[in-house]
PDB file of all heavy atoms in Angstrom:
ATOM      1  N   LYS A   1       0.814  -1.213   0.002  1.00  0.00           N
ATOM      2  CA  LYS A   1      -0.020  -0.010   0.033  1.00  0.00           C
ATOM      3  C   LYS A   1       0.870   1.273   0.004  1.00  0.00           C
ATOM      4  O   LYS A   1       0.587   2.239  -0.711  1.00  0.00           O
ATOM      5  CB  LYS A   1      -0.904  -0.036   1.253  1.00  0.00           C
ATOM      6  CG  LYS A   1      -1.977   0.954   1.228  1.00  0.00           C
ATOM      7  CD  LYS A   1      -3.112   0.531   0.384  1.00  0.00           C
ATOM      8  CE  LYS A   1      -4.290   1.484   0.627  1.00  0.00           C
ATOM      9  NZ  LYS A   1      -5.189   1.547  -0.489  1.00  0.00           N
ATOM     10  N   GLN A   2       1.947   1.242   0.799  1.00  0.00           N
ATOM     11  CA  GLN A   2       2.857   2.394   0.825  1.00  0.00           C
ATOM     12  C   GLN A   2       3.528   2.609  -0.541  1.00  0.00           C
ATOM     13  O   GLN A   2       3.650   3.750  -1.019  1.00  0.00           O
ATOM     14  CB  GLN A   2       3.939   2.188   1.862  1.00  0.00           C
ATOM     15  CG  GLN A   2       3.532   2.482   3.285  1.00  0.00           C
ATOM     16  CD  GLN A   2       4.622   2.221   4.299  1.00  0.00           C
ATOM     17  OE1 GLN A   2       5.611   1.527   4.033  1.00  0.00           O
ATOM     18  NE2 GLN A   2       4.503   2.807   5.493  1.00  0.00           N
ATOM     19  N   ALA A   3       3.985   1.535  -1.188  1.00  0.00           N
ATOM     20  CA  ALA A   3       4.625   1.660  -2.505  1.00  0.00           C
ATOM     21  C   ALA A   3       3.596   2.216  -3.511  1.00  0.00           C
ATOM     22  O   ALA A   3       3.977   3.070  -4.336  1.00  0.00           O
ATOM     23  CB  ALA A   3       5.114   0.276  -2.928  1.00  0.00           C
ATOM     24  N   LYS A   4       2.369   1.758  -3.460  1.00  0.00           N
ATOM     25  CA  LYS A   4       1.330   2.277  -4.364  1.00  0.00           C
ATOM     26  C   LYS A   4       1.105   3.769  -4.111  1.00  0.00           C
ATOM     27  O   LYS A   4       1.014   4.538  -5.064  1.00  0.00           O
ATOM     28  CB  LYS A   4       0.062   1.451  -4.224  1.00  0.00           C
ATOM     29  CG  LYS A   4      -1.073   1.952  -5.122  1.00  0.00           C
ATOM     30  CD  LYS A   4      -2.374   1.351  -4.710  1.00  0.00           C
ATOM     31  CE  LYS A   4      -3.529   2.056  -5.421  1.00  0.00           C
ATOM     32  NZ  LYS A   4      -3.697   3.433  -5.071  1.00  0.00           N
ATOM     33  N   ASN A   5       1.002   4.121  -2.847  1.00  0.00           N
ATOM     34  CA  ASN A   5       0.780   5.560  -2.517  1.00  0.00           C
ATOM     35  C   ASN A   5       1.932   6.440  -2.886  1.00  0.00           C
ATOM     36  O   ASN A   5       1.708   7.558  -3.394  1.00  0.00           O
ATOM     37  CB  ASN A   5       0.463   5.708  -1.011  1.00  0.00           C
ATOM     38  CG  ASN A   5      -0.901   5.092  -0.630  1.00  0.00           C
ATOM     39  OD1 ASN A   5      -1.747   4.877  -1.448  1.00  0.00           O
ATOM     40  ND2 ASN A   5      -1.046   4.778   0.659  1.00  0.00           N
ATOM     41  N   ARG A   6       3.129   5.933  -2.743  1.00  0.00           N
ATOM     42  CA  ARG A   6       4.306   6.711  -3.199  1.00  0.00           C
ATOM     43  C   ARG A   6       4.288   6.934  -4.718  1.00  0.00           C
ATOM     44  O   ARG A   6       4.583   8.022  -5.221  1.00  0.00           O
ATOM     45  CB  ARG A   6       5.634   6.043  -2.770  1.00  0.00           C
ATOM     46  CG  ARG A   6       6.078   6.395  -1.373  1.00  0.00           C
ATOM     47  CD  ARG A   6       7.557   5.912  -1.124  1.00  0.00           C
ATOM     48  NE  ARG A   6       7.796   4.506  -1.399  1.00  0.00           N
ATOM     49  CZ  ARG A   6       7.600   3.520  -0.531  1.00  0.00           C
ATOM     50  NH1 ARG A   6       7.165   3.814   0.704  1.00  0.00           N
ATOM     51  NH2 ARG A   6       7.831   2.328  -0.863  1.00  0.00           N
ATOM     52  N   ASN A   7       3.923   5.876  -5.432  1.00  0.00           N
ATOM     53  CA  ASN A   7       3.840   6.021  -6.910  1.00  0.00           C
ATOM     54  C   ASN A   7       2.740   6.982  -7.269  1.00  0.00           C
ATOM     55  O   ASN A   7       2.973   7.849  -8.139  1.00  0.00           O
ATOM     56  CB  ASN A   7       3.554   4.647  -7.521  1.00  0.00           C
ATOM     57  CG  ASN A   7       3.623   4.681  -9.019  1.00  0.00           C
ATOM     58  OD1 ASN A   7       4.599   5.067  -9.609  1.00  0.00           O
ATOM     59  ND2 ASN A   7       2.523   4.317  -9.646  1.00  0.00           N
ATOM     60  N   ASP A   8       1.555   6.901  -6.627  1.00  0.00           N
ATOM     61  CA  ASP A   8       0.445   7.825  -6.928  1.00  0.00           C
ATOM     62  C   ASP A   8       0.878   9.255  -6.634  1.00  0.00           C
ATOM     63  O   ASP A   8       0.558  10.212  -7.362  1.00  0.00           O
ATOM     64  CB  ASP A   8      -0.758   7.475  -6.150  1.00  0.00           C
ATOM     65  CG  ASP A   8      -1.412   6.173  -6.649  1.00  0.00           C
ATOM     66  OD1 ASP A   8      -1.075   5.749  -7.760  1.00  0.00           O
ATOM     67  OD2 ASP A   8      -2.229   5.569  -5.915  1.00  0.00           O
ATOM     68  N   SER A   9       1.608   9.465  -5.545  1.00  0.00           N
ATOM     69  CA  SER A   9       2.094  10.801  -5.176  1.00  0.00           C
ATOM     70  C   SER A   9       3.059  11.359  -6.256  1.00  0.00           C
ATOM     71  O   SER A   9       2.938  12.541  -6.652  1.00  0.00           O
ATOM     72  CB  SER A   9       2.755  10.735  -3.802  1.00  0.00           C
ATOM     73  OG  SER A   9       3.314  12.003  -3.500  1.00  0.00           O
ATOM     74  N   ARG A  10       3.945  10.515  -6.656  1.00  0.00           N
ATOM     75  CA  ARG A  10       4.944  10.912  -7.677  1.00  0.00           C
ATOM     76  C   ARG A  10       4.207  11.271  -9.014  1.00  0.00           C
ATOM     77  O   ARG A  10       4.540  12.188  -9.696  1.00  0.00           O
ATOM     78  CB  ARG A  10       5.960   9.834  -7.927  1.00  0.00           C
ATOM     79  CG  ARG A  10       7.030  10.139  -8.960  1.00  0.00           C
ATOM     80  CD  ARG A  10       7.949  11.252  -8.536  1.00  0.00           C
ATOM     81  NE  ARG A  10       9.007  11.394  -9.543  1.00  0.00           N
ATOM     82  CZ  ARG A  10       9.905  12.320  -9.532  1.00  0.00           C
ATOM     83  NH1 ARG A  10       9.966  13.207  -8.518  1.00  0.00           N
ATOM     84  NH2 ARG A  10      10.825  12.378 -10.438  1.00  0.00           N
ATOM     85  N   ILE A  11       3.145  10.481  -9.322  1.00  0.00           N
ATOM     86  CA  ILE A  11       2.380  10.733 -10.543  1.00  0.00           C
ATOM     87  C   ILE A  11       1.743  12.108 -10.477  1.00  0.00           C
ATOM     88  O   ILE A  11       1.809  12.908 -11.399  1.00  0.00           O
ATOM     89  CB  ILE A  11       1.324   9.646 -10.770  1.00  0.00           C
ATOM     90  CG1 ILE A  11       2.010   8.374 -11.253  1.00  0.00           C
ATOM     91  CG2 ILE A  11       0.282  10.073 -11.810  1.00  0.00           C
ATOM     92  CD1 ILE A  11       1.070   7.148 -11.273  1.00  0.00           C
ATOM     93  N   ARG A  12       1.129  12.395  -9.312  1.00  0.00           N
ATOM     94  CA  ARG A  12       0.521  13.710  -9.158  1.00  0.00           C
ATOM     95  C   ARG A  12       1.526  14.879  -9.251  1.00  0.00           C
ATOM     96  O   ARG A  12       1.260  15.910  -9.857  1.00  0.00           O
ATOM     97  CB  ARG A  12      -0.244  13.804  -7.797  1.00  0.00           C
ATOM     98  CG  ARG A  12      -1.517  13.007  -7.764  1.00  0.00           C
ATOM     99  CD  ARG A  12      -2.348  13.270  -6.469  1.00  0.00           C
ATOM    100  NE  ARG A  12      -1.618  12.960  -5.276  1.00  0.00           N
ATOM    101  CZ  ARG A  12      -1.520  11.796  -4.682  1.00  0.00           C
ATOM    102  NH1 ARG A  12      -2.142  10.720  -5.218  1.00  0.00           N
ATOM    103  NH2 ARG A  12      -0.863  11.627  -3.579  1.00  0.00           N
ATOM    104  N   TYR A  13       2.696  14.680  -8.687  1.00  0.00           N
ATOM    105  CA  TYR A  13       3.781  15.681  -8.733  1.00  0.00           C
ATOM    106  C   TYR A  13       4.215  15.911 -10.128  1.00  0.00           C
ATOM    107  O   TYR A  13       4.306  17.048 -10.594  1.00  0.00           O
ATOM    108  CB  TYR A  13       4.966  15.241  -7.856  1.00  0.00           C
ATOM    109  CG  TYR A  13       6.204  15.965  -8.039  1.00  0.00           C
ATOM    110  CD1 TYR A  13       6.363  17.234  -7.448  1.00  0.00           C
ATOM    111  CD2 TYR A  13       7.253  15.521  -8.852  1.00  0.00           C
ATOM    112  CE1 TYR A  13       7.534  17.963  -7.597  1.00  0.00           C
ATOM    113  CE2 TYR A  13       8.439  16.238  -9.019  1.00  0.00           C
ATOM    114  CZ  TYR A  13       8.548  17.447  -8.409  1.00  0.00           C
ATOM    115  OH  TYR A  13       9.716  18.177  -8.583  1.00  0.00           O
ATOM    116  N   LEU A  14       4.454  14.832 -10.903  1.00  0.00           N
ATOM    117  CA  LEU A  14       4.903  14.958 -12.259  1.00  0.00           C
ATOM    118  C   LEU A  14       3.784  15.611 -13.133  1.00  0.00           C
ATOM    119  O   LEU A  14       4.159  16.459 -13.990  1.00  0.00           O
ATOM    120  CB  LEU A  14       5.267  13.601 -12.853  1.00  0.00           C
ATOM    121  CG  LEU A  14       6.541  12.989 -12.274  1.00  0.00           C
ATOM    122  CD1 LEU A  14       6.702  11.546 -12.720  1.00  0.00           C
ATOM    123  CD2 LEU A  14       7.796  13.760 -12.660  1.00  0.00           C
ATOM    124  N   GLN A  15       2.578  15.263 -12.922  1.00  0.00           N
ATOM    125  CA  GLN A  15       1.475  15.857 -13.721  1.00  0.00           C
ATOM    126  C   GLN A  15       1.418  17.370 -13.486  1.00  0.00           C
ATOM    127  O   GLN A  15       1.232  18.145 -14.401  1.00  0.00           O
ATOM    128  CB  GLN A  15       0.141  15.202 -13.378  1.00  0.00           C
ATOM    129  CG  GLN A  15       0.057  13.781 -13.949  1.00  0.00           C
ATOM    130  CD  GLN A  15      -1.216  13.064 -13.453  1.00  0.00           C
ATOM    131  OE1 GLN A  15      -1.712  13.298 -12.306  1.00  0.00           O
ATOM    132  NE2 GLN A  15      -1.732  12.149 -14.264  1.00  0.00           N
ATOM    133  N   ALA A  16       1.569  17.782 -12.211  1.00  0.00           N
ATOM    134  CA  ALA A  16       1.558  19.182 -11.911  1.00  0.00           C
ATOM    135  C   ALA A  16       2.770  19.911 -12.510  1.00  0.00           C
ATOM    136  O   ALA A  16       2.613  20.999 -13.023  1.00  0.00           O
ATOM    137  CB  ALA A  16       1.522  19.401 -10.379  1.00  0.00           C
ATOM    138  N   MET A  17       3.939  19.261 -12.473  1.00  0.00           N
ATOM    139  CA  MET A  17       5.119  19.927 -13.048  1.00  0.00           C
ATOM    140  C   MET A  17       4.945  20.070 -14.564  1.00  0.00           C
ATOM    141  O   MET A  17       5.319  21.108 -15.112  1.00  0.00           O
ATOM    142  CB  MET A  17       6.381  19.055 -12.773  1.00  0.00           C
ATOM    143  CG  MET A  17       6.796  19.060 -11.278  1.00  0.00           C
ATOM    144  SD  MET A  17       7.481  20.641 -10.819  1.00  0.00           S
ATOM    145  CE  MET A  17       9.044  20.605 -11.581  1.00  0.00           C
ATOM    146  N   VAL A  18       4.471  19.055 -15.225  1.00  0.00           N
ATOM    147  CA  VAL A  18       4.279  19.113 -16.704  1.00  0.00           C
ATOM    148  C   VAL A  18       3.275  20.188 -17.040  1.00  0.00           C
ATOM    149  O   VAL A  18       3.441  20.924 -17.942  1.00  0.00           O
ATOM    150  CB  VAL A  18       3.872  17.733 -17.226  1.00  0.00           C
ATOM    151  CG1 VAL A  18       3.383  17.792 -18.676  1.00  0.00           C
ATOM    152  CG2 VAL A  18       5.032  16.758 -17.141  1.00  0.00           C
ATOM    153  N   ARG A  19       2.186  20.205 -16.274  1.00  0.00           N
ATOM    154  CA  ARG A  19       1.116  21.169 -16.508  1.00  0.00           C
ATOM    155  C   ARG A  19       1.562  22.640 -16.356  1.00  0.00           C
ATOM    156  O   ARG A  19       1.132  23.513 -17.102  1.00  0.00           O
ATOM    157  CB  ARG A  19      -0.080  20.819 -15.605  1.00  0.00           C
ATOM    158  CG  ARG A  19      -1.319  21.624 -15.846  1.00  0.00           C
ATOM    159  CD  ARG A  19      -2.525  21.205 -15.005  1.00  0.00           C
ATOM    160  NE  ARG A  19      -2.239  21.168 -13.590  1.00  0.00           N
ATOM    161  CZ  ARG A  19      -2.096  20.045 -12.795  1.00  0.00           C
ATOM    162  NH1 ARG A  19      -2.239  18.837 -13.396  1.00  0.00           N
ATOM    163  NH2 ARG A  19      -1.839  20.151 -11.555  1.00  0.00           N
ATOM    164  N   THR A  20       2.400  22.875 -15.362  1.00  0.00           N
ATOM    165  CA  THR A  20       2.794  24.262 -15.054  1.00  0.00           C
ATOM    166  C   THR A  20       4.169  24.677 -15.584  1.00  0.00           C
ATOM    167  O   THR A  20       4.603  25.785 -15.365  1.00  0.00           O
ATOM    168  CB  THR A  20       2.734  24.486 -13.544  1.00  0.00           C
ATOM    169  OG1 THR A  20       3.740  23.630 -12.932  1.00  0.00           O
ATOM    170  CG2 THR A  20       1.384  24.227 -12.956  1.00  0.00           C
ATOM    171  N   ALA A  21       4.832  23.796 -16.292  1.00  0.00           N
ATOM    172  CA  ALA A  21       6.197  24.082 -16.745  1.00  0.00           C
ATOM    173  C   ALA A  21       6.295  25.205 -17.749  1.00  0.00           C
ATOM    174  O   ALA A  21       5.375  25.304 -18.620  1.00  0.00           O
ATOM    175  CB  ALA A  21       6.805  22.815 -17.359  1.00  0.00           C
ATOM    176  N   LYS A  22       7.303  25.996 -17.625  1.00  0.00           N
ATOM    177  CA  LYS A  22       7.611  27.033 -18.625  1.00  0.00           C
ATOM    178  C   LYS A  22       8.877  26.547 -19.282  1.00  0.00           C
ATOM    179  O   LYS A  22       9.933  26.456 -18.635  1.00  0.00           O
ATOM    180  CB  LYS A  22       7.826  28.381 -17.970  1.00  0.00           C
ATOM    181  CG  LYS A  22       8.222  29.444 -18.909  1.00  0.00           C
ATOM    182  CD  LYS A  22       8.538  30.752 -18.188  1.00  0.00           C
ATOM    183  CE  LYS A  22       9.108  31.752 -19.171  1.00  0.00           C
ATOM    184  NZ  LYS A  22       9.760  32.814 -18.570  1.00  0.00           N
ATOM    185  N   VAL A  23       8.796  26.250 -20.573  1.00  0.00           N
ATOM    186  CA  VAL A  23       9.998  25.774 -21.251  1.00  0.00           C
ATOM    187  C   VAL A  23      10.904  26.915 -21.625  1.00  0.00           C
ATOM    188  O   VAL A  23      10.490  27.930 -22.178  1.00  0.00           O
ATOM    189  CB  VAL A  23       9.579  24.990 -22.606  1.00  0.00           C
ATOM    190  CG1 VAL A  23      10.795  24.506 -23.295  1.00  0.00           C
ATOM    191  CG2 VAL A  23       8.704  23.833 -22.213  1.00  0.00           C
ATOM    192  N   ILE A  24      12.184  26.776 -21.235  1.00  0.00           N
ATOM    193  CA  ILE A  24      13.175  27.777 -21.491  1.00  0.00           C
ATOM    194  C   ILE A  24      14.192  27.265 -22.502  1.00  0.00           C
ATOM    195  O   ILE A  24      14.404  26.084 -22.677  1.00  0.00           O
ATOM    196  CB  ILE A  24      13.891  28.227 -20.191  1.00  0.00           C
ATOM    197  CG1 ILE A  24      14.602  27.027 -19.530  1.00  0.00           C
ATOM    198  CG2 ILE A  24      12.965  28.932 -19.207  1.00  0.00           C
ATOM    199  CD1 ILE A  24      15.497  27.407 -18.359  1.00  0.00           C
ATOM    200  N   THR A  25      14.821  28.191 -23.211  1.00  0.00           N
ATOM    201  CA  THR A  25      15.861  27.854 -24.124  1.00  0.00           C
ATOM    202  C   THR A  25      17.231  28.227 -23.501  1.00  0.00           C
ATOM    203  O   THR A  25      17.297  29.084 -22.604  1.00  0.00           O
ATOM    204  CB  THR A  25      15.720  28.606 -25.478  1.00  0.00           C
ATOM    205  OG1 THR A  25      15.689  30.028 -25.197  1.00  0.00           O
ATOM    206  CG2 THR A  25      14.427  28.211 -26.154  1.00  0.00           C
ATOM    207  N   ILE A  26      18.237  27.546 -23.960  1.00  0.00           N
ATOM    208  CA  ILE A  26      19.562  27.755 -23.464  1.00  0.00           C
ATOM    209  C   ILE A  26      20.367  28.585 -24.397  1.00  0.00           C
ATOM    210  O   ILE A  26      20.646  28.163 -25.512  1.00  0.00           O
ATOM    211  CB  ILE A  26      20.294  26.417 -23.198  1.00  0.00           C
ATOM    212  CG1 ILE A  26      19.446  25.570 -22.242  1.00  0.00           C
ATOM    213  CG2 ILE A  26      21.648  26.618 -22.639  1.00  0.00           C
ATOM    214  CD1 ILE A  26      19.669  24.133 -22.396  1.00  0.00           C
ATOM    215  N   ASP A  27      20.744  29.760 -24.016  1.00  0.00           N
ATOM    216  CA  ASP A  27      21.574  30.595 -24.808  1.00  0.00           C
ATOM    217  C   ASP A  27      22.365  31.472 -23.902  1.00  0.00           C
ATOM    218  O   ASP A  27      21.878  32.104 -23.028  1.00  0.00           O
ATOM    219  CB  ASP A  27      20.771  31.402 -25.824  1.00  0.00           C
ATOM    220  CG  ASP A  27      19.699  32.275 -25.198  1.00  0.00           C
ATOM    221  OD1 ASP A  27      19.232  31.954 -24.096  1.00  0.00           O
ATOM    222  OD2 ASP A  27      19.336  33.328 -25.803  1.00  0.00           O
ATOM    223  N   SER A  28      23.650  31.474 -24.098  1.00  0.00           N
ATOM    224  CA  SER A  28      24.551  32.317 -23.346  1.00  0.00           C
ATOM    225  C   SER A  28      25.699  32.783 -24.197  1.00  0.00           C
ATOM    226  O   SER A  28      26.020  32.181 -25.208  1.00  0.00           O
ATOM    227  CB  SER A  28      25.065  31.554 -22.073  1.00  0.00           C
ATOM    228  OG  SER A  28      25.916  30.507 -22.462  1.00  0.00           O
ATOM    229  N   ASP A  29      26.306  33.885 -23.721  1.00  0.00           N
ATOM    230  CA  ASP A  29      27.482  34.390 -24.397  1.00  0.00           C
ATOM    231  C   ASP A  29      28.594  33.326 -24.311  1.00  0.00           C
ATOM    232  O   ASP A  29      28.733  32.644 -23.332  1.00  0.00           O
ATOM    233  CB  ASP A  29      27.844  35.661 -23.647  1.00  0.00           C
ATOM    234  CG  ASP A  29      29.082  36.353 -24.293  1.00  0.00           C
ATOM    235  OD1 ASP A  29      29.521  35.931 -25.378  1.00  0.00           O
ATOM    236  OD2 ASP A  29      29.528  37.356 -23.700  1.00  0.00           O
ATOM    237  N   ASN A  30      29.396  33.231 -25.381  1.00  0.00           N
ATOM    238  CA  ASN A  30      30.504  32.253 -25.382  1.00  0.00           C
ATOM    239  C   ASN A  30      31.522  32.429 -24.273  1.00  0.00           C
ATOM    240  O   ASN A  30      32.085  31.469 -23.802  1.00  0.00           O
ATOM    241  CB  ASN A  30      31.229  32.261 -26.713  1.00  0.00           C
ATOM    242  CG  ASN A  30      30.431  31.578 -27.796  1.00  0.00           C
ATOM    243  OD1 ASN A  30      29.564  30.763 -27.527  1.00  0.00           O
ATOM    244  ND2 ASN A  30      30.735  31.886 -29.069  1.00  0.00           N
ATOM    245  N   ASP A  31      31.658  33.630 -23.736  1.00  0.00           N
ATOM    246  CA  ASP A  31      32.601  33.888 -22.663  1.00  0.00           C
ATOM    247  C   ASP A  31      31.979  33.872 -21.292  1.00  0.00           C
ATOM    248  O   ASP A  31      32.709  33.886 -20.300  1.00  0.00           O
ATOM    249  CB  ASP A  31      33.258  35.274 -22.899  1.00  0.00           C
ATOM    250  CG  ASP A  31      34.098  35.312 -24.157  1.00  0.00           C
ATOM    251  OD1 ASP A  31      34.518  34.243 -24.605  1.00  0.00           O
ATOM    252  OD2 ASP A  31      34.276  36.429 -24.703  1.00  0.00           O
ATOM    253  N   ALA A  32      30.667  33.820 -21.250  1.00  0.00           N
ATOM    254  CA  ALA A  32      30.004  33.920 -19.914  1.00  0.00           C
ATOM    255  C   ALA A  32      29.393  32.539 -19.519  1.00  0.00           C
ATOM    256  O   ALA A  32      29.132  31.660 -20.350  1.00  0.00           O
ATOM    257  CB  ALA A  32      28.850  34.951 -20.002  1.00  0.00           C
ATOM    258  N   ILE A  33      29.190  32.425 -18.231  1.00  0.00           N
ATOM    259  CA  ILE A  33      28.633  31.186 -17.658  1.00  0.00           C
ATOM    260  C   ILE A  33      27.135  31.133 -18.001  1.00  0.00           C
ATOM    261  O   ILE A  33      26.431  32.066 -17.744  1.00  0.00           O
ATOM    262  CB  ILE A  33      28.828  31.128 -16.129  1.00  0.00           C
ATOM    263  CG1 ILE A  33      30.300  31.129 -15.796  1.00  0.00           C
ATOM    264  CG2 ILE A  33      28.126  29.878 -15.565  1.00  0.00           C
ATOM    265  CD1 ILE A  33      30.611  31.326 -14.312  1.00  0.00           C
ATOM    266  N   GLY A  34      26.708  29.979 -18.539  1.00  0.00           N
ATOM    267  CA  GLY A  34      25.326  29.762 -18.859  1.00  0.00           C
ATOM    268  C   GLY A  34      24.830  28.440 -18.315  1.00  0.00           C
ATOM    269  O   GLY A  34      25.643  27.695 -17.678  1.00  0.00           O
ATOM    270  N   LEU A  35      23.621  28.134 -18.561  1.00  0.00           N
ATOM    271  CA  LEU A  35      23.000  26.900 -18.110  1.00  0.00           C
ATOM    272  C   LEU A  35      23.737  25.706 -18.702  1.00  0.00           C
ATOM    273  O   LEU A  35      24.043  25.686 -19.920  1.00  0.00           O
ATOM    274  CB  LEU A  35      21.540  26.932 -18.482  1.00  0.00           C
ATOM    275  CG  LEU A  35      20.606  25.896 -17.812  1.00  0.00           C
ATOM    276  CD1 LEU A  35      20.691  26.003 -16.307  1.00  0.00           C
ATOM    277  CD2 LEU A  35      19.195  26.115 -18.283  1.00  0.00           C
ATOM    278  N   PHE A  36      24.039  24.709 -17.929  1.00  0.00           N
ATOM    279  CA  PHE A  36      24.701  23.479 -18.269  1.00  0.00           C
ATOM    280  C   PHE A  36      26.219  23.575 -18.441  1.00  0.00           C
ATOM    281  O   PHE A  36      26.890  22.643 -18.858  1.00  0.00           O
ATOM    282  CB  PHE A  36      24.019  22.761 -19.433  1.00  0.00           C
ATOM    283  CG  PHE A  36      22.642  22.290 -19.142  1.00  0.00           C
ATOM    284  CD1 PHE A  36      21.572  23.034 -19.671  1.00  0.00           C
ATOM    285  CD2 PHE A  36      22.387  21.269 -18.283  1.00  0.00           C
ATOM    286  CE1 PHE A  36      20.263  22.681 -19.372  1.00  0.00           C
ATOM    287  CE2 PHE A  36      21.092  20.904 -17.938  1.00  0.00           C
ATOM    288  CZ  PHE A  36      20.035  21.597 -18.510  1.00  0.00           C
ATOM    289  N   ASP A  37      26.767  24.784 -18.212  1.00  0.00           N
ATOM    290  CA  ASP A  37      28.184  24.944 -18.245  1.00  0.00           C
ATOM    291  C   ASP A  37      28.870  24.364 -16.997  1.00  0.00           C
ATOM    292  O   ASP A  37      28.264  24.442 -15.957  1.00  0.00           O
ATOM    293  CB  ASP A  37      28.569  26.430 -18.412  1.00  0.00           C
ATOM    294  CG  ASP A  37      28.168  27.007 -19.762  1.00  0.00           C
ATOM    295  OD1 ASP A  37      27.806  26.231 -20.632  1.00  0.00           O
ATOM    296  OD2 ASP A  37      28.223  28.256 -19.910  1.00  0.00           O
TER     297      ASP A  37
END
């Protein structure tokens, strides 16, 4: 029951994240620190 509830909780979390996500693009100056550097 705990494993099922943890899975259901994670599903709700992921659904909320997908629903409210703002997709960003990665662009930075070649000399400056950017995302994933």
